[in-house]
Amino acid sequence: MIKKLLAVLGIVLAANAVMAKDTRYFEMRIYYCHPGKLEALIERFANHTTRIFEKHGMENIGYWVPADNKENALYYVLAYPDKAARDAAWKAFGDDPEWQKVRTASEKNGKIIEKITSIFMDAATISPVIQPLQTRSDRNFDLRTYYCHPGQLNKLISRFQNHTLAFFSKHGMTNIAYWTTIEPDNAQSRLVYLVAHATPEKGLESWDTFRKDPDWIKARDLSEKDGPIVEKVETIALKPLSFSKIK
């Protein structure tokens, strides 16, 4: 009886987590390293940077590198209470004598980072609450970005809410996080999301069976009866780093 009650409680808590609105302000940062410097950057994050981030109120969400990392890139996501807290945290971080000492020591043989890209995001209404989640073995992740035709983002989100998330789960994918980007000049947001697979092979299998699913094809075609929704999709396969809170 106790086991059954705990199982029911777990289902209820999971459902509430999915329904809850994550109001944090998110930032995805992509660091492109100079040749041969990626390991130095990863070491600096593992030994120093993530801790100093948290010292200044930044929340480490996850750290990954592309499976095919031709650009020597590191991807990571931070969360803040809001934009003002984000700006204050980065100023305090940049002024921190400990961080300045760490950065100088790590760059004694040359600069590590060639360029940085920041993408600011809100949690999409369809997203589960984004929280640390590790498994016994590292999973593989797909980071996907959808660019919609003008005025079609809400249709895409509705399709994900009513159909796509369930089909992903049906075909063995784990829904991790969904965001909408915050664009300048009120430009249309992009949908950015992470799904996880047990192995790269399982991921390929899941995507193949998902795309061939006749029920998914029917739902997709019905959603596009008035015209296409998505203009293009970008996909990057990611591997979690050892210190990532989502693995």
Foldseek 3Di string as FASTA:
>chain_A
DVVVVVVVVVVVVQVVLQQDFAFWKKKKKKFFWDPPQLVLVVVLCVPPDVVLLVVLPKAWQFKWAFPPHPRSMIITMIIHRDDVSVVSSVVCSVPDPVNVVSLCVSAVVHDTTDDMDMWIWGFDSRWGHAHFDDDPDWWKKKKKKFDWDPPQPVLVVVLCNVPVVVLLVVLAKAWHTWIWTDDPPPPGTIIIGMITHRYPVSVVSSVVCSVVPPVNVVSLCVSAVVHDTTDDMDITMITTDPPTSHD
